[in-house]
Amino acid sequence: MKKIDLDKLSLLVSQRRKQKKMTQDELGELTGINRQVIGRIELGKTVPSLSQLQQLLDVLEIDFNSILEDEQVEDVFMAMKGEARDDEEKKGLETMISMMLCLRKHDKLRRVYNG
């Protein structure tokens, strides 16, 4: 089952809103979502309800598929873990993968904040 990637969602909502030269207040008026909630969605701190998500996707013209998790990334990491020769190597790979994913999230947040 595919899942929504909240990092992708927050980044796309922020980018599209800015591309359309909208404030959070203006987006709120068009979607019926409180400005503070929009801000938390853009920061990845709030998960929108299904109706809020649909409103955001419609108003900002975001394709639903563009906010889904990348299955391929997980498959690569799983393959790497499967190649580990012992528990110590497996633990090292898990640490490395965790760090890579964390850096990826930080990079996305920097892009949101730096516009």
C-alpha atoms as a PDB file:
ATOM      1  CA  MET A   1       0.000   0.000   0.000  1.00  0.00           C
ATOM      2  CA  LYS A   2       1.316   3.431  -0.902  1.00  0.00           C
ATOM      3  CA  LYS A   3       1.579   6.076   1.791  1.00  0.00           C
ATOM      4  CA  ILE A   4       1.578   9.848   1.700  1.00  0.00           C
ATOM      5  CA  ASP A   5       5.043  11.336   2.185  1.00  0.00           C
ATOM      6  CA  LEU A   6       4.490  14.236   4.587  1.00  0.00           C
ATOM      7  CA  ASP A   7       7.841  15.765   3.639  1.00  0.00           C
ATOM      8  CA  LYS A   8       6.803  15.891  -0.008  1.00  0.00           C
ATOM      9  CA  LEU A   9       3.379  17.238   0.903  1.00  0.00           C
ATOM     10  CA  SER A  10       4.748  20.028   3.101  1.00  0.00           C
ATOM     11  CA  LEU A  11       7.324  21.020   0.496  1.00  0.00           C
ATOM     12  CA  LEU A  12       4.839  21.022  -2.399  1.00  0.00           C
ATOM     13  CA  VAL A  13       2.167  22.972  -0.503  1.00  0.00           C
ATOM     14  CA  SER A  14       4.694  25.640   0.433  1.00  0.00           C
ATOM     15  CA  GLN A  15       6.234  25.815  -3.054  1.00  0.00           C
ATOM     16  CA  ARG A  16       2.941  25.917  -4.962  1.00  0.00           C
ATOM     17  CA  ARG A  17       1.440  28.505  -2.626  1.00  0.00           C
ATOM     18  CA  LYS A  18       4.464  30.749  -3.182  1.00  0.00           C
ATOM     19  CA  GLN A  19       4.453  30.109  -6.949  1.00  0.00           C
ATOM     20  CA  LYS A  20       0.838  31.256  -7.040  1.00  0.00           C
ATOM     21  CA  LYS A  21       1.857  34.318  -4.971  1.00  0.00           C
ATOM     22  CA  MET A  22      -0.617  33.432  -2.232  1.00  0.00           C
ATOM     23  CA  THR A  23      -0.351  34.106   1.461  1.00  0.00           C
ATOM     24  CA  GLN A  24      -1.337  31.442   3.947  1.00  0.00           C
ATOM     25  CA  ASP A  25      -4.411  33.562   4.699  1.00  0.00           C
ATOM     26  CA  GLU A  26      -5.436  33.608   1.027  1.00  0.00           C
ATOM     27  CA  LEU A  27      -4.919  29.859   0.718  1.00  0.00           C
ATOM     28  CA  GLY A  28      -6.961  29.435   3.870  1.00  0.00           C
ATOM     29  CA  GLU A  29      -9.848  31.410   2.387  1.00  0.00           C
ATOM     30  CA  LEU A  30      -9.817  29.293  -0.780  1.00  0.00           C
ATOM     31  CA  THR A  31      -9.601  25.971   1.055  1.00  0.00           C
ATOM     32  CA  GLY A  32     -11.520  26.698   4.250  1.00  0.00           C
ATOM     33  CA  ILE A  33      -8.437  25.716   6.274  1.00  0.00           C
ATOM     34  CA  ASN A  34      -7.216  27.893   9.129  1.00  0.00           C
ATOM     35  CA  ARG A  35      -3.995  29.825   8.372  1.00  0.00           C
ATOM     36  CA  GLN A  36      -2.229  28.325  11.392  1.00  0.00           C
ATOM     37  CA  VAL A  37      -3.092  24.810  10.208  1.00  0.00           C
ATOM     38  CA  ILE A  38      -1.698  25.602   6.761  1.00  0.00           C
ATOM     39  CA  GLY A  39       1.498  26.808   8.402  1.00  0.00           C
ATOM     40  CA  ARG A  40       1.813  23.576  10.385  1.00  0.00           C
ATOM     41  CA  ILE A  41       1.141  21.510   7.245  1.00  0.00           C
ATOM     42  CA  GLU A  42       3.896  23.415   5.422  1.00  0.00           C
ATOM     43  CA  LEU A  43       6.272  22.686   8.305  1.00  0.00           C
ATOM     44  CA  GLY A  44       5.302  19.012   8.298  1.00  0.00           C
ATOM     45  CA  LYS A  45       3.969  19.253  11.842  1.00  0.00           C
ATOM     46  CA  THR A  46       0.315  18.553  11.044  1.00  0.00           C
ATOM     47  CA  VAL A  47      -1.332  15.848   8.982  1.00  0.00           C
ATOM     48  CA  PRO A  48      -4.299  17.294   7.088  1.00  0.00           C
ATOM     49  CA  SER A  49      -7.632  15.530   7.172  1.00  0.00           C
ATOM     50  CA  LEU A  50      -8.751  13.893   3.942  1.00  0.00           C
ATOM     51  CA  SER A  51     -11.067  16.778   3.108  1.00  0.00           C
ATOM     52  CA  GLN A  52      -8.314  19.329   3.841  1.00  0.00           C
ATOM     53  CA  LEU A  53      -5.868  17.339   1.723  1.00  0.00           C
ATOM     54  CA  GLN A  54      -8.305  17.262  -1.188  1.00  0.00           C
ATOM     55  CA  GLN A  55      -8.890  21.020  -0.931  1.00  0.00           C
ATOM     56  CA  LEU A  56      -5.149  21.735  -0.901  1.00  0.00           C
ATOM     57  CA  LEU A  57      -4.462  19.457  -3.855  1.00  0.00           C
ATOM     58  CA  ASP A  58      -7.310  20.997  -5.867  1.00  0.00           C
ATOM     59  CA  VAL A  59      -6.545  24.654  -5.150  1.00  0.00           C
ATOM     60  CA  LEU A  60      -2.767  24.286  -5.560  1.00  0.00           C
ATOM     61  CA  GLU A  61      -3.108  21.934  -8.551  1.00  0.00           C
ATOM     62  CA  ILE A  62      -0.944  19.226  -6.982  1.00  0.00           C
ATOM     63  CA  ASP A  63      -1.161  15.705  -8.380  1.00  0.00           C
ATOM     64  CA  PHE A  64      -1.933  13.155  -5.652  1.00  0.00           C
ATOM     65  CA  ASN A  65       0.734  10.776  -6.959  1.00  0.00           C
ATOM     66  CA  SER A  66       3.416  13.433  -6.423  1.00  0.00           C
ATOM     67  CA  ILE A  67       2.971  13.244  -2.644  1.00  0.00           C
ATOM     68  CA  LEU A  68       3.271   9.467  -2.348  1.00  0.00           C
ATOM     69  CA  GLU A  69       6.308   7.827  -0.765  1.00  0.00           C
ATOM     70  CA  ASP A  70       9.054   6.578  -3.020  1.00  0.00           C
ATOM     71  CA  GLU A  71       8.942   2.798  -2.725  1.00  0.00           C
ATOM     72  CA  GLN A  72      12.219   2.501  -4.599  1.00  0.00           C
ATOM     73  CA  VAL A  73      14.181   4.220  -1.797  1.00  0.00           C
ATOM     74  CA  GLU A  74      13.013   1.674   0.753  1.00  0.00           C
ATOM     75  CA  ASP A  75      13.800  -1.209  -1.614  1.00  0.00           C
ATOM     76  CA  VAL A  76      17.398  -0.032  -2.027  1.00  0.00           C
ATOM     77  CA  PHE A  77      17.852   0.209   1.721  1.00  0.00           C
ATOM     78  CA  MET A  78      16.297  -3.204   2.268  1.00  0.00           C
ATOM     79  CA  ALA A  79      18.636  -4.675  -0.335  1.00  0.00           C
ATOM     80  CA  MET A  80      21.616  -3.105   1.410  1.00  0.00           C
ATOM     81  CA  LYS A  81      20.540  -4.526   4.758  1.00  0.00           C
ATOM     82  CA  GLY A  82      20.040  -7.937   3.173  1.00  0.00           C
ATOM     83  CA  GLU A  83      23.685  -7.940   2.031  1.00  0.00           C
ATOM     84  CA  ALA A  84      25.012  -7.467   5.579  1.00  0.00           C
ATOM     85  CA  ARG A  85      27.338 -10.305   6.599  1.00  0.00           C
ATOM     86  CA  ASP A  86      26.788 -10.127  10.371  1.00  0.00           C
ATOM     87  CA  ASP A  87      24.797  -8.322  13.066  1.00  0.00           C
ATOM     88  CA  GLU A  88      27.451  -5.632  13.505  1.00  0.00           C
ATOM     89  CA  GLU A  89      27.436  -4.804   9.801  1.00  0.00           C
ATOM     90  CA  LYS A  90      23.631  -4.831   9.774  1.00  0.00           C
ATOM     91  CA  LYS A  91      23.562  -2.394  12.710  1.00  0.00           C
ATOM     92  CA  GLY A  92      26.082  -0.150  10.920  1.00  0.00           C
ATOM     93  CA  LEU A  93      23.964  -0.142   7.760  1.00  0.00           C
ATOM     94  CA  GLU A  94      20.834   0.692   9.765  1.00  0.00           C
ATOM     95  CA  THR A  95      22.649   3.643  11.360  1.00  0.00           C
ATOM     96  CA  MET A  96      23.887   4.848   7.973  1.00  0.00           C
ATOM     97  CA  ILE A  97      20.422   4.535   6.416  1.00  0.00           C
ATOM     98  CA  SER A  98      18.861   6.410   9.329  1.00  0.00           C
ATOM     99  CA  MET A  99      21.401   9.204   8.926  1.00  0.00           C
ATOM    100  CA  MET A 100      20.794   9.399   5.165  1.00  0.00           C
ATOM    101  CA  LEU A 101      17.039   9.665   5.631  1.00  0.00           C
ATOM    102  CA  CYS A 102      17.494  12.301   8.320  1.00  0.00           C
ATOM    103  CA  LEU A 103      19.769  14.356   6.056  1.00  0.00           C
ATOM    104  CA  ARG A 104      17.218  14.068   3.265  1.00  0.00           C
ATOM    105  CA  LYS A 105      14.483  15.458   5.525  1.00  0.00           C
ATOM    106  CA  HIS A 106      16.742  18.293   6.696  1.00  0.00           C
ATOM    107  CA  ASP A 107      17.533  19.167   3.083  1.00  0.00           C
ATOM    108  CA  LYS A 108      13.816  19.365   2.256  1.00  0.00           C
ATOM    109  CA  LEU A 109      13.163  21.569   5.285  1.00  0.00           C
ATOM    110  CA  ARG A 110      16.008  23.901   4.299  1.00  0.00           C
ATOM    111  CA  ARG A 111      14.474  24.276   0.843  1.00  0.00           C
ATOM    112  CA  VAL A 112      11.115  25.167   2.409  1.00  0.00           C
ATOM    113  CA  TYR A 113      12.587  27.738   4.777  1.00  0.00           C
ATOM    114  CA  ASN A 114      14.934  29.264   2.204  1.00  0.00           C
ATOM    115  CA  GLY A 115      12.185  29.416  -0.396  1.00  0.00           C
END
